[in-house]
N, C-alpha and C. Protein backbone atom coordinates (compact mmCIF):
# COMPACT_ATOMS: atom_id res chain seq x y z
N MET A 1 -5.45 -27.55 -8.04
CA MET A 1 -6.01 -28.68 -7.89
C MET A 1 -6.83 -28.61 -8.77
N ASN A 2 -7.40 -29.48 -9.51
CA ASN A 2 -8.37 -29.39 -10.88
C ASN A 2 -9.87 -29.01 -10.12
N ALA A 3 -10.67 -29.16 -10.89
CA ALA A 3 -12.08 -28.74 -10.22
C ALA A 3 -12.70 -30.17 -9.67
N TRP A 4 -12.19 -31.49 -10.51
CA TRP A 4 -13.13 -32.41 -9.64
C TRP A 4 -12.29 -32.85 -8.38
N GLY A 5 -10.87 -32.21 -8.39
CA GLY A 5 -10.72 -32.69 -7.03
C GLY A 5 -10.96 -31.65 -6.01
N LEU A 6 -11.10 -30.36 -6.14
CA LEU A 6 -12.11 -29.66 -5.49
C LEU A 6 -13.79 -29.90 -5.21
N LEU A 7 -14.22 -30.63 -5.90
CA LEU A 7 -15.20 -31.06 -5.70
C LEU A 7 -15.56 -32.17 -4.74
N ALA A 8 -14.49 -32.97 -4.87
CA ALA A 8 -14.26 -34.15 -3.76
C ALA A 8 -14.05 -33.51 -2.43
N LEU A 9 -13.28 -32.46 -2.38
CA LEU A 9 -12.67 -32.13 -1.17
C LEU A 9 -13.88 -31.43 -0.79
N ALA A 10 -14.71 -30.58 -1.48
CA ALA A 10 -16.38 -29.95 -1.02
C ALA A 10 -16.81 -31.20 -0.30
N ILE A 11 -16.94 -32.27 -0.77
CA ILE A 11 -17.90 -33.09 -0.58
C ILE A 11 -17.54 -33.39 0.93
N VAL A 12 -16.13 -33.99 1.01
CA VAL A 12 -16.00 -34.61 2.44
C VAL A 12 -15.63 -33.40 3.22
N ALA A 13 -15.36 -31.97 3.03
CA ALA A 13 -15.88 -31.08 4.18
C ALA A 13 -17.15 -31.00 4.43
N GLU A 14 -18.06 -31.17 3.52
CA GLU A 14 -19.69 -30.88 3.94
C GLU A 14 -20.33 -31.97 4.85
N VAL A 15 -19.42 -33.30 4.65
CA VAL A 15 -20.05 -34.40 5.30
C VAL A 15 -19.28 -34.16 6.80
N VAL A 16 -18.14 -34.11 6.69
CA VAL A 16 -17.42 -33.88 8.39
C VAL A 16 -18.48 -32.50 8.37
N GLY A 17 -18.95 -31.56 7.86
CA GLY A 17 -19.57 -30.62 8.74
C GLY A 17 -20.44 -30.96 9.63
N THR A 18 -21.32 -31.60 8.42
CA THR A 18 -23.07 -32.16 8.54
C THR A 18 -22.57 -32.98 9.92
N SER A 19 -22.04 -34.52 9.66
CA SER A 19 -21.43 -34.72 10.89
C SER A 19 -21.08 -34.41 12.45
N ALA A 20 -20.49 -33.38 12.54
CA ALA A 20 -20.35 -32.48 13.16
C ALA A 20 -21.72 -31.58 13.66
N LEU A 21 -22.08 -31.26 12.96
CA LEU A 21 -23.61 -30.82 13.42
C LEU A 21 -24.30 -31.48 14.46
N LYS A 22 -24.81 -32.53 14.38
CA LYS A 22 -25.12 -33.91 15.42
C LYS A 22 -24.44 -33.49 16.85
N ALA A 23 -23.39 -33.69 16.87
CA ALA A 23 -22.42 -33.62 17.68
C ALA A 23 -22.61 -32.33 18.34
N SER A 24 -22.70 -31.33 17.84
CA SER A 24 -22.73 -29.75 18.28
C SER A 24 -23.88 -29.68 19.28
N ASP A 25 -24.87 -31.00 18.75
CA ASP A 25 -25.84 -30.49 19.96
C ASP A 25 -26.63 -29.04 20.14
N GLY A 26 -27.18 -28.69 18.68
CA GLY A 26 -27.73 -27.26 18.31
C GLY A 26 -26.82 -26.30 18.87
N PHE A 27 -25.59 -26.40 18.61
CA PHE A 27 -24.45 -25.63 19.02
C PHE A 27 -23.78 -25.31 20.31
N SER A 28 -24.40 -26.00 21.33
CA SER A 28 -23.93 -26.06 22.19
C SER A 28 -22.85 -26.30 22.92
N ARG A 29 -22.31 -27.06 22.17
CA ARG A 29 -20.68 -27.88 22.44
C ARG A 29 -19.90 -26.87 21.38
N LEU A 30 -18.89 -26.45 21.78
CA LEU A 30 -17.72 -25.83 21.30
C LEU A 30 -17.11 -26.26 20.16
N TRP A 31 -16.48 -27.32 19.96
CA TRP A 31 -15.19 -28.16 19.15
C TRP A 31 -16.25 -28.41 18.11
N PRO A 32 -17.33 -29.45 18.05
CA PRO A 32 -18.16 -29.83 17.62
C PRO A 32 -18.81 -28.94 16.39
N SER A 33 -19.14 -27.46 17.16
CA SER A 33 -19.87 -26.27 16.28
C SER A 33 -18.77 -25.73 15.62
N VAL A 34 -17.59 -25.39 16.21
CA VAL A 34 -16.19 -25.21 15.45
C VAL A 34 -15.98 -25.87 13.91
N LEU A 35 -16.12 -27.22 14.28
CA LEU A 35 -16.06 -27.97 12.99
C LEU A 35 -17.27 -27.71 11.59
N VAL A 36 -18.34 -27.89 12.92
CA VAL A 36 -19.27 -27.15 11.46
C VAL A 36 -19.00 -26.27 10.78
N VAL A 37 -18.64 -25.28 11.57
CA VAL A 37 -18.23 -23.88 10.25
C VAL A 37 -17.20 -23.91 9.87
N VAL A 38 -16.17 -24.52 10.37
CA VAL A 38 -14.66 -24.87 9.30
C VAL A 38 -15.78 -25.35 8.13
N GLY A 39 -16.00 -27.08 8.56
CA GLY A 39 -16.66 -27.57 7.27
C GLY A 39 -17.38 -27.23 6.25
N TYR A 40 -18.43 -26.49 6.74
CA TYR A 40 -19.26 -25.91 5.76
C TYR A 40 -18.24 -24.76 5.12
N GLY A 41 -17.27 -24.12 5.57
CA GLY A 41 -16.77 -22.75 5.23
C GLY A 41 -15.95 -23.13 4.28
N ILE A 42 -15.28 -24.66 4.37
CA ILE A 42 -14.19 -25.28 3.55
C ILE A 42 -15.01 -25.48 2.22
N SER A 43 -16.04 -26.37 2.26
CA SER A 43 -16.96 -26.80 1.11
C SER A 43 -17.79 -25.64 0.18
N PHE A 44 -18.40 -24.77 0.98
CA PHE A 44 -18.31 -23.72 -0.11
C PHE A 44 -17.56 -22.82 -0.70
N TYR A 45 -16.33 -22.66 -0.04
CA TYR A 45 -15.22 -21.80 -0.80
C TYR A 45 -14.83 -23.05 -1.92
N CYS A 46 -14.78 -23.92 -1.55
CA CYS A 46 -14.48 -24.99 -2.77
C CYS A 46 -15.25 -25.16 -3.96
N LEU A 47 -16.78 -24.97 -3.51
CA LEU A 47 -17.66 -25.42 -4.30
C LEU A 47 -17.66 -23.51 -5.21
N SER A 48 -17.09 -22.65 -4.62
CA SER A 48 -17.13 -21.54 -5.48
C SER A 48 -15.64 -21.87 -6.46
N LEU A 49 -15.22 -22.00 -6.29
CA LEU A 49 -13.87 -22.41 -7.28
C LEU A 49 -14.16 -23.42 -8.26
N VAL A 50 -15.12 -24.37 -7.75
CA VAL A 50 -15.53 -25.57 -8.93
C VAL A 50 -16.52 -24.46 -10.18
N LEU A 51 -17.13 -23.84 -9.33
CA LEU A 51 -18.16 -23.25 -10.26
C LEU A 51 -17.64 -22.24 -11.57
N ARG A 52 -16.07 -22.50 -11.38
CA ARG A 52 -15.48 -21.70 -12.61
C ARG A 52 -15.25 -22.40 -13.81
N SER A 53 -15.26 -23.60 -13.54
CA SER A 53 -15.09 -25.02 -14.59
C SER A 53 -15.96 -25.67 -14.83
N ILE A 54 -16.94 -26.21 -13.66
CA ILE A 54 -17.87 -27.27 -14.15
C ILE A 54 -19.61 -26.50 -13.72
N PRO A 55 -20.25 -26.65 -14.60
CA PRO A 55 -21.76 -26.10 -14.58
C PRO A 55 -22.36 -26.33 -13.08
N VAL A 56 -22.80 -25.25 -12.79
CA VAL A 56 -23.68 -25.43 -11.38
C VAL A 56 -24.81 -26.87 -11.04
N GLY A 57 -25.34 -26.68 -12.59
CA GLY A 57 -26.08 -28.16 -12.02
C GLY A 57 -25.35 -29.02 -12.05
N ILE A 58 -24.39 -29.57 -13.00
CA ILE A 58 -23.39 -30.81 -12.53
C ILE A 58 -23.02 -30.75 -11.24
N THR A 59 -22.61 -29.71 -10.82
CA THR A 59 -21.70 -29.20 -9.53
C THR A 59 -22.70 -30.13 -8.24
N TYR A 60 -23.76 -29.05 -8.59
CA TYR A 60 -24.43 -29.47 -6.97
C TYR A 60 -25.43 -30.86 -7.32
N ALA A 61 -25.42 -31.51 -8.33
CA ALA A 61 -25.99 -32.63 -8.40
C ALA A 61 -25.02 -33.40 -8.11
N VAL A 62 -23.31 -33.84 -8.06
CA VAL A 62 -22.23 -34.49 -7.86
C VAL A 62 -22.38 -34.25 -6.20
N TRP A 63 -22.37 -32.93 -5.80
CA TRP A 63 -21.99 -32.33 -4.23
C TRP A 63 -23.45 -33.02 -3.20
N SER A 64 -24.48 -32.72 -3.72
CA SER A 64 -25.44 -33.21 -2.99
C SER A 64 -25.57 -34.78 -3.27
N GLY A 65 -25.60 -35.33 -4.44
CA GLY A 65 -25.75 -36.79 -4.43
C GLY A 65 -24.80 -37.71 -3.80
N LEU A 66 -23.67 -37.47 -4.15
CA LEU A 66 -22.34 -38.00 -3.24
C LEU A 66 -22.32 -37.56 -1.67
N GLY A 67 -22.92 -36.35 -1.51
CA GLY A 67 -23.15 -35.92 -0.13
C GLY A 67 -24.13 -36.66 0.58
N ILE A 68 -24.91 -36.92 0.12
CA ILE A 68 -26.23 -37.80 1.01
C ILE A 68 -25.81 -39.03 1.09
N VAL A 69 -25.38 -39.73 0.02
CA VAL A 69 -24.68 -41.36 0.28
C VAL A 69 -23.58 -41.39 1.60
N LEU A 70 -22.64 -39.85 1.45
CA LEU A 70 -21.36 -40.48 2.26
C LEU A 70 -22.07 -40.11 3.55
N ILE A 71 -22.76 -39.02 3.74
CA ILE A 71 -23.54 -38.87 5.11
C ILE A 71 -24.37 -39.87 5.77
N THR A 72 -24.93 -40.23 5.10
CA THR A 72 -25.64 -41.73 5.75
C THR A 72 -24.90 -42.73 5.96
N LEU A 73 -23.70 -42.79 5.28
CA LEU A 73 -22.47 -44.04 6.17
C LEU A 73 -22.25 -43.37 7.22
N ALA A 74 -21.70 -41.94 7.23
CA ALA A 74 -20.89 -41.64 8.15
C ALA A 74 -22.14 -41.67 9.05
N ALA A 75 -23.35 -41.51 9.33
CA ALA A 75 -24.36 -41.81 10.29
C ALA A 75 -24.53 -43.03 11.11
N TRP A 76 -24.47 -43.74 9.64
CA TRP A 76 -24.63 -45.38 10.76
C TRP A 76 -23.29 -45.80 10.94
N TRP A 77 -22.43 -45.15 10.55
CA TRP A 77 -20.54 -45.57 11.36
C TRP A 77 -20.84 -44.78 12.88
N LEU A 78 -20.43 -43.64 12.90
CA LEU A 78 -20.86 -42.81 13.89
C LEU A 78 -21.92 -42.81 15.09
N TYR A 79 -22.94 -42.90 14.28
CA TYR A 79 -24.04 -42.26 15.05
C TYR A 79 -25.15 -43.94 14.97
N GLY A 80 -24.62 -44.83 15.00
CA GLY A 80 -25.78 -46.19 14.72
C GLY A 80 -26.86 -46.06 14.21
N GLN A 81 -27.00 -45.03 12.76
CA GLN A 81 -28.34 -45.13 12.28
C GLN A 81 -28.30 -46.44 11.11
N THR A 82 -29.18 -47.17 11.54
CA THR A 82 -29.73 -48.46 10.81
C THR A 82 -30.27 -47.51 9.11
N ILE A 83 -29.75 -48.45 8.32
CA ILE A 83 -29.72 -48.42 6.96
C ILE A 83 -30.62 -49.66 5.98
N ASP A 84 -31.52 -49.54 6.01
CA ASP A 84 -32.45 -50.57 5.58
C ASP A 84 -32.31 -50.88 3.92
N THR A 85 -33.09 -51.92 3.40
CA THR A 85 -32.51 -52.41 2.19
C THR A 85 -33.11 -51.38 1.20
N ALA A 86 -34.34 -50.52 1.55
CA ALA A 86 -34.52 -49.67 0.85
C ALA A 86 -33.89 -48.25 0.65
N GLY A 87 -33.19 -48.06 1.70
CA GLY A 87 -32.09 -47.08 1.99
C GLY A 87 -30.69 -47.58 0.95
N PHE A 88 -30.43 -48.65 1.23
CA PHE A 88 -29.23 -49.07 0.27
C PHE A 88 -29.82 -48.95 -1.57
N ILE A 89 -31.18 -49.27 -1.44
CA ILE A 89 -31.30 -49.29 -3.17
C ILE A 89 -31.10 -47.81 -3.68
N GLY A 90 -31.86 -47.19 -2.59
CA GLY A 90 -31.97 -45.43 -2.89
C GLY A 90 -30.51 -44.84 -3.44
N MET A 91 -29.55 -45.35 -2.51
CA MET A 91 -28.31 -44.66 -1.86
C MET A 91 -27.73 -45.45 -3.42
N GLY A 92 -27.79 -46.80 -4.03
CA GLY A 92 -27.32 -47.15 -5.48
C GLY A 92 -28.13 -46.02 -6.49
N LEU A 93 -29.31 -45.78 -6.80
CA LEU A 93 -30.15 -45.25 -7.49
C LEU A 93 -29.22 -43.56 -7.61
N ILE A 94 -29.02 -43.26 -6.40
CA ILE A 94 -28.43 -41.91 -6.31
C ILE A 94 -27.12 -41.54 -7.00
N LEU A 95 -26.10 -42.38 -6.80
CA LEU A 95 -25.07 -42.83 -7.35
C LEU A 95 -25.01 -43.41 -8.88
N ALA A 96 -26.00 -44.43 -9.16
CA ALA A 96 -26.41 -44.29 -10.71
C ALA A 96 -26.71 -43.10 -11.52
N GLY A 97 -27.49 -42.13 -10.73
CA GLY A 97 -27.64 -40.71 -11.33
C GLY A 97 -26.20 -39.90 -11.51
N VAL A 98 -25.49 -39.78 -10.51
CA VAL A 98 -24.26 -39.30 -10.65
C VAL A 98 -23.71 -39.77 -12.04
N VAL A 99 -23.59 -41.01 -12.03
CA VAL A 99 -22.72 -41.77 -13.21
C VAL A 99 -22.96 -41.01 -14.29
N VAL A 100 -24.37 -41.32 -14.67
CA VAL A 100 -25.10 -41.26 -15.73
C VAL A 100 -24.86 -39.69 -16.02
N LEU A 101 -25.18 -38.92 -15.25
CA LEU A 101 -25.09 -37.36 -15.49
C LEU A 101 -23.90 -37.05 -15.93
N ASN A 102 -22.54 -37.90 -15.25
CA ASN A 102 -21.11 -37.42 -15.88
C ASN A 102 -20.56 -38.32 -16.71
N VAL A 103 -21.27 -39.36 -16.73
CA VAL A 103 -20.55 -40.03 -18.29
C VAL A 103 -21.17 -40.04 -19.71
N PHE A 104 -22.78 -39.99 -19.31
CA PHE A 104 -23.49 -39.79 -20.43
C PHE A 104 -24.20 -38.30 -20.82
N SER A 105 -24.04 -37.79 -20.42
CA SER A 105 -25.18 -35.96 -20.08
C SER A 105 -24.23 -35.58 -21.32
N LYS A 106 -24.49 -34.85 -22.03
CA LYS A 106 -23.60 -33.39 -22.60
C LYS A 106 -23.41 -32.47 -22.06
N SER A 107 -24.04 -32.17 -20.76
CA SER A 107 -24.17 -30.87 -19.84
C SER A 107 -23.46 -30.68 -18.98
N GLY A 108 -22.09 -32.19 -19.00
CA GLY A 108 -21.22 -32.01 -18.07
C GLY A 108 -20.13 -30.74 -18.49
N GLY A 109 -18.98 -30.78 -17.23
CA GLY A 109 -18.25 -29.95 -17.59
C GLY A 109 -16.90 -30.47 -18.15
N HIS A 110 -16.76 -31.84 -18.99
CA HIS A 110 -15.81 -32.50 -19.61
C HIS A 110 -14.82 -31.52 -20.63
């Protein structure tokens, strides 16, 4: 798998782990707690491989930016968290920042 595919896997694993973190109820529920540890473990392992070829700043910006958007959407879907207009605008700006960083920045790992 290439670095960008691993980064996508790292993002998805982190979103799964963070979603399960709420369900773990302070690590008092076994299976959601196991999912947290496995999700974060996969995420950080994949990130460690990504950093072999994509600079750390780009990697972290994409991982955290897309993670923020996806976990917000997951919280809306799974837990009924509301997202107001400002939230949608903010997520749009985050996505725009990730695109600008990857498409226009010369510091990317392309």
